[in-house]
mmCIF file of all heavy atoms, coordinates in Angstrom:
data_MODEL
# 
_entry.id   MODEL 
# 
loop_
_atom_site.group_PDB 
_atom_site.id 
_atom_site.type_symbol 
_atom_site.label_atom_id 
_atom_site.label_alt_id 
_atom_site.label_comp_id 
_atom_site.label_asym_id 
_atom_site.label_entity_id 
_atom_site.label_seq_id 
_atom_site.pdbx_PDB_ins_code 
_atom_site.Cartn_x 
_atom_site.Cartn_y 
_atom_site.Cartn_z 
_atom_site.occupancy 
_atom_site.B_iso_or_equiv 
_atom_site.pdbx_formal_charge 
_atom_site.auth_seq_id 
_atom_site.auth_comp_id 
_atom_site.auth_asym_id 
_atom_site.auth_atom_id 
_atom_site.pdbx_PDB_model_num 
ATOM 1   N N   . GLY A 1 1  ? 3.906   0.321  13.321  1.00 0.00 ? 1  GLY A N   1 
ATOM 2   C CA  . GLY A 1 1  ? 3.375   1.394  12.457  1.00 0.00 ? 1  GLY A CA  1 
ATOM 3   C C   . GLY A 1 1  ? 3.775   1.330  11.029  1.00 0.00 ? 1  GLY A C   1 
ATOM 4   O O   . GLY A 1 1  ? 2.893   1.452  10.174  1.00 0.00 ? 1  GLY A O   1 
ATOM 5   N N   . TYR A 1 2  ? 5.063   0.921  10.848  1.00 0.00 ? 2  TYR A N   1 
ATOM 6   C CA  . TYR A 1 2  ? 5.449   0.769  9.325   1.00 0.00 ? 2  TYR A CA  1 
ATOM 7   C C   . TYR A 1 2  ? 4.715   -0.440 8.764   1.00 0.00 ? 2  TYR A C   1 
ATOM 8   O O   . TYR A 1 2  ? 4.295   -0.453 7.565   1.00 0.00 ? 2  TYR A O   1 
ATOM 9   C CB  . TYR A 1 2  ? 6.903   0.560  9.305   1.00 0.00 ? 2  TYR A CB  1 
ATOM 10  C CG  . TYR A 1 2  ? 7.586   1.894  9.577   1.00 0.00 ? 2  TYR A CG  1 
ATOM 11  C CD1 . TYR A 1 2  ? 8.723   1.998  10.404  1.00 0.00 ? 2  TYR A CD1 1 
ATOM 12  C CD2 . TYR A 1 2  ? 7.172   3.133  9.012   1.00 0.00 ? 2  TYR A CD2 1 
ATOM 13  C CE1 . TYR A 1 2  ? 9.439   3.151  10.686  1.00 0.00 ? 2  TYR A CE1 1 
ATOM 14  C CE2 . TYR A 1 2  ? 7.801   4.267  9.329   1.00 0.00 ? 2  TYR A CE2 1 
ATOM 15  C CZ  . TYR A 1 2  ? 9.006   4.308  10.113  1.00 0.00 ? 2  TYR A CZ  1 
ATOM 16  O OH  . TYR A 1 2  ? 9.583   5.539  10.412  1.00 0.00 ? 2  TYR A OH  1 
ATOM 17  N N   . ALA A 1 3  ? 4.529   -1.480 9.520   1.00 0.00 ? 3  ALA A N   1 
ATOM 18  C CA  . ALA A 1 3  ? 3.820   -2.635 9.051   1.00 0.00 ? 3  ALA A CA  1 
ATOM 19  C C   . ALA A 1 3  ? 2.464   -2.300 8.613   1.00 0.00 ? 3  ALA A C   1 
ATOM 20  O O   . ALA A 1 3  ? 1.864   -2.735 7.571   1.00 0.00 ? 3  ALA A O   1 
ATOM 21  C CB  . ALA A 1 3  ? 3.801   -3.744 10.151  1.00 0.00 ? 3  ALA A CB  1 
ATOM 22  N N   . ILE A 1 4  ? 1.702   -1.619 9.459   1.00 0.00 ? 4  ILE A N   1 
ATOM 23  C CA  . ILE A 1 4  ? 0.319   -1.199 9.169   1.00 0.00 ? 4  ILE A CA  1 
ATOM 24  C C   . ILE A 1 4  ? 0.264   -0.349 7.995   1.00 0.00 ? 4  ILE A C   1 
ATOM 25  O O   . ILE A 1 4  ? -0.773  -0.305 7.212   1.00 0.00 ? 4  ILE A O   1 
ATOM 26  C CB  . ILE A 1 4  ? -0.411  -0.655 10.417  1.00 0.00 ? 4  ILE A CB  1 
ATOM 27  C CG1 . ILE A 1 4  ? -1.894  -0.660 10.235  1.00 0.00 ? 4  ILE A CG1 1 
ATOM 28  C CG2 . ILE A 1 4  ? 0.028   0.762  10.683  1.00 0.00 ? 4  ILE A CG2 1 
ATOM 29  C CD1 . ILE A 1 4  ? -2.488  -2.020 10.344  1.00 0.00 ? 4  ILE A CD1 1 
ATOM 30  N N   . VAL A 1 5  ? 1.155   0.565  7.839   1.00 0.00 ? 5  VAL A N   1 
ATOM 31  C CA  . VAL A 1 5  ? 1.215   1.479  6.635   1.00 0.00 ? 5  VAL A CA  1 
ATOM 32  C C   . VAL A 1 5  ? 1.256   0.663  5.339   1.00 0.00 ? 5  VAL A C   1 
ATOM 33  O O   . VAL A 1 5  ? 0.634   0.924  4.384   1.00 0.00 ? 5  VAL A O   1 
ATOM 34  C CB  . VAL A 1 5  ? 2.371   2.548  6.723   1.00 0.00 ? 5  VAL A CB  1 
ATOM 35  C CG1 . VAL A 1 5  ? 2.579   3.167  5.492   1.00 0.00 ? 5  VAL A CG1 1 
ATOM 36  C CG2 . VAL A 1 5  ? 2.004   3.563  7.837   1.00 0.00 ? 5  VAL A CG2 1 
ATOM 37  N N   . ILE A 1 6  ? 2.253   -0.216 5.305   1.00 0.00 ? 6  ILE A N   1 
ATOM 38  C CA  . ILE A 1 6  ? 2.493   -1.086 4.056   1.00 0.00 ? 6  ILE A CA  1 
ATOM 39  C C   . ILE A 1 6  ? 1.148   -1.993 3.897   1.00 0.00 ? 6  ILE A C   1 
ATOM 40  O O   . ILE A 1 6  ? 0.746   -2.104 2.827   1.00 0.00 ? 6  ILE A O   1 
ATOM 41  C CB  . ILE A 1 6  ? 3.685   -1.991 4.388   1.00 0.00 ? 6  ILE A CB  1 
ATOM 42  C CG1 . ILE A 1 6  ? 4.979   -1.160 4.467   1.00 0.00 ? 6  ILE A CG1 1 
ATOM 43  C CG2 . ILE A 1 6  ? 3.793   -3.008 3.238   1.00 0.00 ? 6  ILE A CG2 1 
ATOM 44  C CD1 . ILE A 1 6  ? 6.222   -1.941 4.841   1.00 0.00 ? 6  ILE A CD1 1 
ATOM 45  N N   . PHE A 1 7  ? 0.656   -2.582 5.035   1.00 0.00 ? 7  PHE A N   1 
ATOM 46  C CA  . PHE A 1 7  ? -0.526  -3.497 4.876   1.00 0.00 ? 7  PHE A CA  1 
ATOM 47  C C   . PHE A 1 7  ? -1.684  -2.661 4.233   1.00 0.00 ? 7  PHE A C   1 
ATOM 48  O O   . PHE A 1 7  ? -2.274  -3.051 3.362   1.00 0.00 ? 7  PHE A O   1 
ATOM 49  C CB  . PHE A 1 7  ? -0.797  -4.014 6.205   1.00 0.00 ? 7  PHE A CB  1 
ATOM 50  C CG  . PHE A 1 7  ? -2.050  -4.855 6.255   1.00 0.00 ? 7  PHE A CG  1 
ATOM 51  C CD1 . PHE A 1 7  ? -2.043  -6.119 5.933   1.00 0.00 ? 7  PHE A CD1 1 
ATOM 52  C CD2 . PHE A 1 7  ? -3.251  -4.262 6.703   1.00 0.00 ? 7  PHE A CD2 1 
ATOM 53  C CE1 . PHE A 1 7  ? -3.182  -6.948 6.019   1.00 0.00 ? 7  PHE A CE1 1 
ATOM 54  C CE2 . PHE A 1 7  ? -4.409  -5.093 6.681   1.00 0.00 ? 7  PHE A CE2 1 
ATOM 55  C CZ  . PHE A 1 7  ? -4.327  -6.342 6.459   1.00 0.00 ? 7  PHE A CZ  1 
ATOM 56  N N   . VAL A 1 8  ? -1.976  -1.551 4.903   1.00 0.00 ? 8  VAL A N   1 
ATOM 57  C CA  . VAL A 1 8  ? -3.173  -0.727 4.432   1.00 0.00 ? 8  VAL A CA  1 
ATOM 58  C C   . VAL A 1 8  ? -3.000  -0.185 3.090   1.00 0.00 ? 8  VAL A C   1 
ATOM 59  O O   . VAL A 1 8  ? -3.933  -0.257 2.223   1.00 0.00 ? 8  VAL A O   1 
ATOM 60  C CB  . VAL A 1 8  ? -3.456  0.376  5.459   1.00 0.00 ? 8  VAL A CB  1 
ATOM 61  C CG1 . VAL A 1 8  ? -4.583  1.300  4.934   1.00 0.00 ? 8  VAL A CG1 1 
ATOM 62  C CG2 . VAL A 1 8  ? -3.871  -0.234 6.780   1.00 0.00 ? 8  VAL A CG2 1 
ATOM 63  N N   . SER A 1 9  ? -1.849  0.385  2.803   1.00 0.00 ? 9  SER A N   1 
ATOM 64  C CA  . SER A 1 9  ? -1.505  0.873  1.400   1.00 0.00 ? 9  SER A CA  1 
ATOM 65  C C   . SER A 1 9  ? -1.623  0.001  0.335   1.00 0.00 ? 9  SER A C   1 
ATOM 66  O O   . SER A 1 9  ? -2.378  0.229  -0.642  1.00 0.00 ? 9  SER A O   1 
ATOM 67  C CB  . SER A 1 9  ? -0.057  1.466  1.473   1.00 0.00 ? 9  SER A CB  1 
ATOM 68  O OG  . SER A 1 9  ? 0.184   2.118  0.160   1.00 0.00 ? 9  SER A OG  1 
ATOM 69  N N   . VAL A 1 10 ? -1.067  -1.302 0.506   1.00 0.00 ? 10 VAL A N   1 
ATOM 70  C CA  . VAL A 1 10 ? -1.206  -2.274 -0.528  1.00 0.00 ? 10 VAL A CA  1 
ATOM 71  C C   . VAL A 1 10 ? -2.651  -2.759 -0.708  1.00 0.00 ? 10 VAL A C   1 
ATOM 72  O O   . VAL A 1 10 ? -3.153  -2.962 -1.766  1.00 0.00 ? 10 VAL A O   1 
ATOM 73  C CB  . VAL A 1 10 ? -0.267  -3.436 -0.228  1.00 0.00 ? 10 VAL A CB  1 
ATOM 74  C CG1 . VAL A 1 10 ? -0.466  -4.663 -1.235  1.00 0.00 ? 10 VAL A CG1 1 
ATOM 75  C CG2 . VAL A 1 10 ? 1.241   -3.028 -0.295  1.00 0.00 ? 10 VAL A CG2 1 
ATOM 76  N N   . LEU A 1 11 ? -3.281  -3.121 0.463   1.00 0.00 ? 11 LEU A N   1 
ATOM 77  C CA  . LEU A 1 11 ? -4.669  -3.539 0.429   1.00 0.00 ? 11 LEU A CA  1 
ATOM 78  C C   . LEU A 1 11 ? -5.700  -2.504 -0.072  1.00 0.00 ? 11 LEU A C   1 
ATOM 79  O O   . LEU A 1 11 ? -6.482  -2.806 -0.948  1.00 0.00 ? 11 LEU A O   1 
ATOM 80  C CB  . LEU A 1 11 ? -5.081  -3.805 1.893   1.00 0.00 ? 11 LEU A CB  1 
ATOM 81  C CG  . LEU A 1 11 ? -6.496  -4.608 2.029   1.00 0.00 ? 11 LEU A CG  1 
ATOM 82  C CD1 . LEU A 1 11 ? -6.371  -5.972 1.261   1.00 0.00 ? 11 LEU A CD1 1 
ATOM 83  C CD2 . LEU A 1 11 ? -6.795  -4.874 3.483   1.00 0.00 ? 11 LEU A CD2 1 
ATOM 84  N N   . SER A 1 12 ? -5.475  -1.237 0.220   1.00 0.00 ? 12 SER A N   1 
ATOM 85  C CA  . SER A 1 12 ? -6.251  -0.237 -0.376  1.00 0.00 ? 12 SER A CA  1 
ATOM 86  C C   . SER A 1 12 ? -6.111  0.011  -1.840  1.00 0.00 ? 12 SER A C   1 
ATOM 87  O O   . SER A 1 12 ? -7.036  0.118  -2.587  1.00 0.00 ? 12 SER A O   1 
ATOM 88  C CB  . SER A 1 12 ? -6.002  1.188  0.347   1.00 0.00 ? 12 SER A CB  1 
ATOM 89  O OG  . SER A 1 12 ? -6.392  1.125  1.716   1.00 0.00 ? 12 SER A OG  1 
ATOM 90  N N   . SER A 1 13 ? -4.908  -0.146 -2.301  1.00 0.00 ? 13 SER A N   1 
ATOM 91  C CA  . SER A 1 13 ? -4.609  -0.067 -3.722  1.00 0.00 ? 13 SER A CA  1 
ATOM 92  C C   . SER A 1 13 ? -5.193  -1.125 -4.514  1.00 0.00 ? 13 SER A C   1 
ATOM 93  O O   . SER A 1 13 ? -5.731  -1.019 -5.509  1.00 0.00 ? 13 SER A O   1 
ATOM 94  C CB  . SER A 1 13 ? -3.029  -0.045 -3.983  1.00 0.00 ? 13 SER A CB  1 
ATOM 95  O OG  . SER A 1 13 ? -2.496  1.131  -3.350  1.00 0.00 ? 13 SER A OG  1 
ATOM 96  N N   . PHE A 1 14 ? -5.173  -2.391 -3.814  1.00 0.00 ? 14 PHE A N   1 
ATOM 97  C CA  . PHE A 1 14 ? -5.832  -3.492 -4.507  1.00 0.00 ? 14 PHE A CA  1 
ATOM 98  C C   . PHE A 1 14 ? -7.229  -3.458 -4.550  1.00 0.00 ? 14 PHE A C   1 
ATOM 99  O O   . PHE A 1 14 ? -7.862  -3.647 -5.648  1.00 0.00 ? 14 PHE A O   1 
ATOM 100 C CB  . PHE A 1 14 ? -5.364  -4.826 -3.765  1.00 0.00 ? 14 PHE A CB  1 
ATOM 101 C CG  . PHE A 1 14 ? -6.067  -6.070 -4.272  1.00 0.00 ? 14 PHE A CG  1 
ATOM 102 C CD1 . PHE A 1 14 ? -5.519  -6.671 -5.397  1.00 0.00 ? 14 PHE A CD1 1 
ATOM 103 C CD2 . PHE A 1 14 ? -7.201  -6.633 -3.648  1.00 0.00 ? 14 PHE A CD2 1 
ATOM 104 C CE1 . PHE A 1 14 ? -6.154  -7.831 -5.867  1.00 0.00 ? 14 PHE A CE1 1 
ATOM 105 C CE2 . PHE A 1 14 ? -7.718  -7.705 -4.060  1.00 0.00 ? 14 PHE A CE2 1 
ATOM 106 C CZ  . PHE A 1 14 ? -7.276  -8.379 -5.313  1.00 0.00 ? 14 PHE A CZ  1 
ATOM 107 N N   . VAL A 1 15 ? -7.963  -3.020 -3.417  1.00 0.00 ? 15 VAL A N   1 
ATOM 108 C CA  . VAL A 1 15 ? -9.414  -2.892 -3.411  1.00 0.00 ? 15 VAL A CA  1 
ATOM 109 C C   . VAL A 1 15 ? -9.916  -1.832 -4.350  1.00 0.00 ? 15 VAL A C   1 
ATOM 110 O O   . VAL A 1 15 ? -10.927 -2.003 -5.032  1.00 0.00 ? 15 VAL A O   1 
ATOM 111 C CB  . VAL A 1 15 ? -9.803  -2.633 -1.961  1.00 0.00 ? 15 VAL A CB  1 
ATOM 112 C CG1 . VAL A 1 15 ? -11.299 -2.272 -1.908  1.00 0.00 ? 15 VAL A CG1 1 
ATOM 113 C CG2 . VAL A 1 15 ? -9.515  -3.857 -1.106  1.00 0.00 ? 15 VAL A CG2 1 
ATOM 114 N N   . LEU A 1 16 ? -9.141  -0.592 -4.345  1.00 0.00 ? 16 LEU A N   1 
ATOM 115 C CA  . LEU A 1 16 ? -9.637  0.422  -5.196  1.00 0.00 ? 16 LEU A CA  1 
ATOM 116 C C   . LEU A 1 16 ? -9.129  0.408  -6.633  1.00 0.00 ? 16 LEU A C   1 
ATOM 117 O O   . LEU A 1 16 ? -9.395  1.245  -7.410  1.00 0.00 ? 16 LEU A O   1 
ATOM 118 C CB  . LEU A 1 16 ? -9.174  1.723  -4.569  1.00 0.00 ? 16 LEU A CB  1 
ATOM 119 C CG  . LEU A 1 16 ? -9.816  2.049  -3.154  1.00 0.00 ? 16 LEU A CG  1 
ATOM 120 C CD1 . LEU A 1 16 ? -9.260  3.302  -2.606  1.00 0.00 ? 16 LEU A CD1 1 
ATOM 121 C CD2 . LEU A 1 16 ? -11.317 2.100  -3.280  1.00 0.00 ? 16 LEU A CD2 1 
ATOM 122 N N   . GLU A 1 17 ? -8.303  -0.690 -6.845  1.00 0.00 ? 17 GLU A N   1 
ATOM 123 C CA  . GLU A 1 17 ? -7.722  -0.917 -8.235  1.00 0.00 ? 17 GLU A CA  1 
ATOM 124 C C   . GLU A 1 17 ? -6.900  0.335  -8.597  1.00 0.00 ? 17 GLU A C   1 
ATOM 125 O O   . GLU A 1 17 ? -7.029  0.913  -9.776  1.00 0.00 ? 17 GLU A O   1 
ATOM 126 C CB  . GLU A 1 17 ? -8.793  -1.210 -9.312  1.00 0.00 ? 17 GLU A CB  1 
ATOM 127 C CG  . GLU A 1 17 ? -9.603  -2.466 -9.013  1.00 0.00 ? 17 GLU A CG  1 
ATOM 128 C CD  . GLU A 1 17 ? -10.682 -2.741 -9.955  1.00 0.00 ? 17 GLU A CD  1 
ATOM 129 O OE1 . GLU A 1 17 ? -10.952 -1.844 -10.869 1.00 0.00 ? 17 GLU A OE1 1 
ATOM 130 O OE2 . GLU A 1 17 ? -11.292 -3.762 -9.946  1.00 0.00 ? 17 GLU A OE2 1 
ATOM 131 N N   . ARG A 1 18 ? -6.027  0.774  -7.752  1.00 0.00 ? 18 ARG A N   1 
ATOM 132 C CA  . ARG A 1 18 ? -5.130  1.757  -8.027  1.00 0.00 ? 18 ARG A CA  1 
ATOM 133 C C   . ARG A 1 18 ? -3.692  1.226  -8.092  1.00 0.00 ? 18 ARG A C   1 
ATOM 134 O O   . ARG A 1 18 ? -3.399  0.169  -7.754  1.00 0.00 ? 18 ARG A O   1 
ATOM 135 C CB  . ARG A 1 18 ? -5.204  2.847  -6.879  1.00 0.00 ? 18 ARG A CB  1 
ATOM 136 C CG  . ARG A 1 18 ? -6.661  3.353  -6.755  1.00 0.00 ? 18 ARG A CG  1 
ATOM 137 C CD  . ARG A 1 18 ? -6.800  4.207  -5.493  1.00 0.00 ? 18 ARG A CD  1 
ATOM 138 N NE  . ARG A 1 18 ? -5.985  5.461  -5.525  1.00 0.00 ? 18 ARG A NE  1 
ATOM 139 C CZ  . ARG A 1 18 ? -6.583  6.595  -5.837  1.00 0.00 ? 18 ARG A CZ  1 
ATOM 140 N NH1 . ARG A 1 18 ? -7.816  6.720  -6.188  1.00 0.00 ? 18 ARG A NH1 1 
ATOM 141 N NH2 . ARG A 1 18 ? -5.823  7.674  -5.951  1.00 0.00 ? 18 ARG A NH2 1 
ATOM 142 N N   . GLY A 1 19 ? -2.692  2.146  -8.424  1.00 0.00 ? 19 GLY A N   1 
ATOM 143 C CA  . GLY A 1 19 ? -1.348  1.815  -8.539  1.00 0.00 ? 19 GLY A CA  1 
ATOM 144 C C   . GLY A 1 19 ? -0.717  1.589  -7.108  1.00 0.00 ? 19 GLY A C   1 
ATOM 145 O O   . GLY A 1 19 ? -1.232  2.121  -6.209  1.00 0.00 ? 19 GLY A O   1 
ATOM 146 N N   . PHE A 1 20 ? 0.216   0.736  -6.979  1.00 0.00 ? 20 PHE A N   1 
ATOM 147 C CA  . PHE A 1 20 ? 0.937   0.508  -5.674  1.00 0.00 ? 20 PHE A CA  1 
ATOM 148 C C   . PHE A 1 20 ? 2.091   1.401  -5.627  1.00 0.00 ? 20 PHE A C   1 
ATOM 149 O O   . PHE A 1 20 ? 2.886   1.674  -6.595  1.00 0.00 ? 20 PHE A O   1 
ATOM 150 C CB  . PHE A 1 20 ? 1.499   -0.970 -5.646  1.00 0.00 ? 20 PHE A CB  1 
ATOM 151 C CG  . PHE A 1 20 ? 0.355   -1.939 -5.764  1.00 0.00 ? 20 PHE A CG  1 
ATOM 152 C CD1 . PHE A 1 20 ? 0.125   -2.639 -6.927  1.00 0.00 ? 20 PHE A CD1 1 
ATOM 153 C CD2 . PHE A 1 20 ? -0.365  -2.241 -4.709  1.00 0.00 ? 20 PHE A CD2 1 
ATOM 154 C CE1 . PHE A 1 20 ? -0.868  -3.606 -7.040  1.00 0.00 ? 20 PHE A CE1 1 
ATOM 155 C CE2 . PHE A 1 20 ? -1.427  -3.246 -4.788  1.00 0.00 ? 20 PHE A CE2 1 
ATOM 156 C CZ  . PHE A 1 20 ? -1.614  -3.824 -5.991  1.00 0.00 ? 20 PHE A CZ  1 
ATOM 157 N N   . TYR A 1 21 ? 2.327   2.067  -4.508  1.00 0.00 ? 21 TYR A N   1 
ATOM 158 C CA  . TYR A 1 21 ? 3.356   3.064  -4.291  1.00 0.00 ? 21 TYR A CA  1 
ATOM 159 C C   . TYR A 1 21 ? 4.645   2.296  -3.780  1.00 0.00 ? 21 TYR A C   1 
ATOM 160 O O   . TYR A 1 21 ? 5.059   2.397  -2.667  1.00 0.00 ? 21 TYR A O   1 
ATOM 161 C CB  . TYR A 1 21 ? 2.876   4.124  -3.253  1.00 0.00 ? 21 TYR A CB  1 
ATOM 162 C CG  . TYR A 1 21 ? 1.763   4.922  -3.747  1.00 0.00 ? 21 TYR A CG  1 
ATOM 163 C CD1 . TYR A 1 21 ? 0.408   4.501  -3.600  1.00 0.00 ? 21 TYR A CD1 1 
ATOM 164 C CD2 . TYR A 1 21 ? 2.016   6.089  -4.483  1.00 0.00 ? 21 TYR A CD2 1 
ATOM 165 C CE1 . TYR A 1 21 ? -0.606  5.191  -4.109  1.00 0.00 ? 21 TYR A CE1 1 
ATOM 166 C CE2 . TYR A 1 21 ? 0.965   6.757  -5.078  1.00 0.00 ? 21 TYR A CE2 1 
ATOM 167 C CZ  . TYR A 1 21 ? -0.327  6.326  -4.851  1.00 0.00 ? 21 TYR A CZ  1 
ATOM 168 O OH  . TYR A 1 21 ? -1.417  7.106  -5.327  1.00 0.00 ? 21 TYR A OH  1 
ATOM 169 N N   . ASN A 1 22 ? 5.189   1.567  -4.738  1.00 0.00 ? 22 ASN A N   1 
ATOM 170 C CA  . ASN A 1 22 ? 6.292   0.659  -4.433  1.00 0.00 ? 22 ASN A CA  1 
ATOM 171 C C   . ASN A 1 22 ? 7.478   1.439  -3.985  1.00 0.00 ? 22 ASN A C   1 
ATOM 172 O O   . ASN A 1 22 ? 8.237   0.985  -3.061  1.00 0.00 ? 22 ASN A O   1 
ATOM 173 C CB  . ASN A 1 22 ? 6.673   -0.149 -5.563  1.00 0.00 ? 22 ASN A CB  1 
ATOM 174 C CG  . ASN A 1 22 ? 5.593   -1.201 -5.962  1.00 0.00 ? 22 ASN A CG  1 
ATOM 175 O OD1 . ASN A 1 22 ? 4.553   -1.303 -5.221  1.00 0.00 ? 22 ASN A OD1 1 
ATOM 176 N ND2 . ASN A 1 22 ? 5.757   -1.946 -7.008  1.00 0.00 ? 22 ASN A ND2 1 
ATOM 177 N N   . ALA A 1 23 ? 7.862   2.503  -4.591  1.00 0.00 ? 23 ALA A N   1 
ATOM 178 C CA  . ALA A 1 23 ? 9.070   3.275  -4.142  1.00 0.00 ? 23 ALA A CA  1 
ATOM 179 C C   . ALA A 1 23 ? 8.939   3.766  -2.765  1.00 0.00 ? 23 ALA A C   1 
ATOM 180 O O   . ALA A 1 23 ? 9.981   3.605  -1.977  1.00 0.00 ? 23 ALA A O   1 
ATOM 181 C CB  . ALA A 1 23 ? 9.277   4.415  -5.147  1.00 0.00 ? 23 ALA A CB  1 
ATOM 182 N N   . GLN A 1 24 ? 7.808   4.392  -2.421  1.00 0.00 ? 24 GLN A N   1 
ATOM 183 C CA  . GLN A 1 24 ? 7.712   4.838  -0.942  1.00 0.00 ? 24 GLN A CA  1 
ATOM 184 C C   . GLN A 1 24 ? 7.656   3.698  -0.028  1.00 0.00 ? 24 GLN A C   1 
ATOM 185 O O   . GLN A 1 24 ? 8.248   3.812  1.094   1.00 0.00 ? 24 GLN A O   1 
ATOM 186 C CB  . GLN A 1 24 ? 6.426   5.666  -0.880  1.00 0.00 ? 24 GLN A CB  1 
ATOM 187 C CG  . GLN A 1 24 ? 6.510   7.005  -1.661  1.00 0.00 ? 24 GLN A CG  1 
ATOM 188 C CD  . GLN A 1 24 ? 6.097   6.882  -3.064  1.00 0.00 ? 24 GLN A CD  1 
ATOM 189 O OE1 . GLN A 1 24 ? 5.930   5.779  -3.672  1.00 0.00 ? 24 GLN A OE1 1 
ATOM 190 N NE2 . GLN A 1 24 ? 5.829   8.046  -3.690  1.00 0.00 ? 24 GLN A NE2 1 
ATOM 191 N N   . LEU A 1 25 ? 6.929   2.565  -0.371  1.00 0.00 ? 25 LEU A N   1 
ATOM 192 C CA  . LEU A 1 25 ? 6.748   1.570  0.521   1.00 0.00 ? 25 LEU A CA  1 
ATOM 193 C C   . LEU A 1 25 ? 8.198   0.761  0.714   1.00 0.00 ? 25 LEU A C   1 
ATOM 194 O O   . LEU A 1 25 ? 8.529   0.306  1.769   1.00 0.00 ? 25 LEU A O   1 
ATOM 195 C CB  . LEU A 1 25 ? 5.768   0.566  0.091   1.00 0.00 ? 25 LEU A CB  1 
ATOM 196 C CG  . LEU A 1 25 ? 4.307   1.088  0.075   1.00 0.00 ? 25 LEU A CG  1 
ATOM 197 C CD1 . LEU A 1 25 ? 3.417   -0.028 -0.448  1.00 0.00 ? 25 LEU A CD1 1 
ATOM 198 C CD2 . LEU A 1 25 ? 3.861   1.485  1.406   1.00 0.00 ? 25 LEU A CD2 1 
ATOM 199 N N   . ALA A 1 26 ? 8.897   0.723  -0.367  1.00 0.00 ? 26 ALA A N   1 
ATOM 200 C CA  . ALA A 1 26 ? 10.236  0.140  -0.329  1.00 0.00 ? 26 ALA A CA  1 
ATOM 201 C C   . ALA A 1 26 ? 11.232  0.886  0.611   1.00 0.00 ? 26 ALA A C   1 
ATOM 202 O O   . ALA A 1 26 ? 11.939  0.445  1.379   1.00 0.00 ? 26 ALA A O   1 
ATOM 203 C CB  . ALA A 1 26 ? 10.870  -0.070 -1.734  1.00 0.00 ? 26 ALA A CB  1 
# 
């Protein structure tokens, strides 16, 4: 579950050209 959250969050941010939520993902 944590892996899919990180995967989808980073990928969605890249596709939508938004900021990466590094603090939360870290």
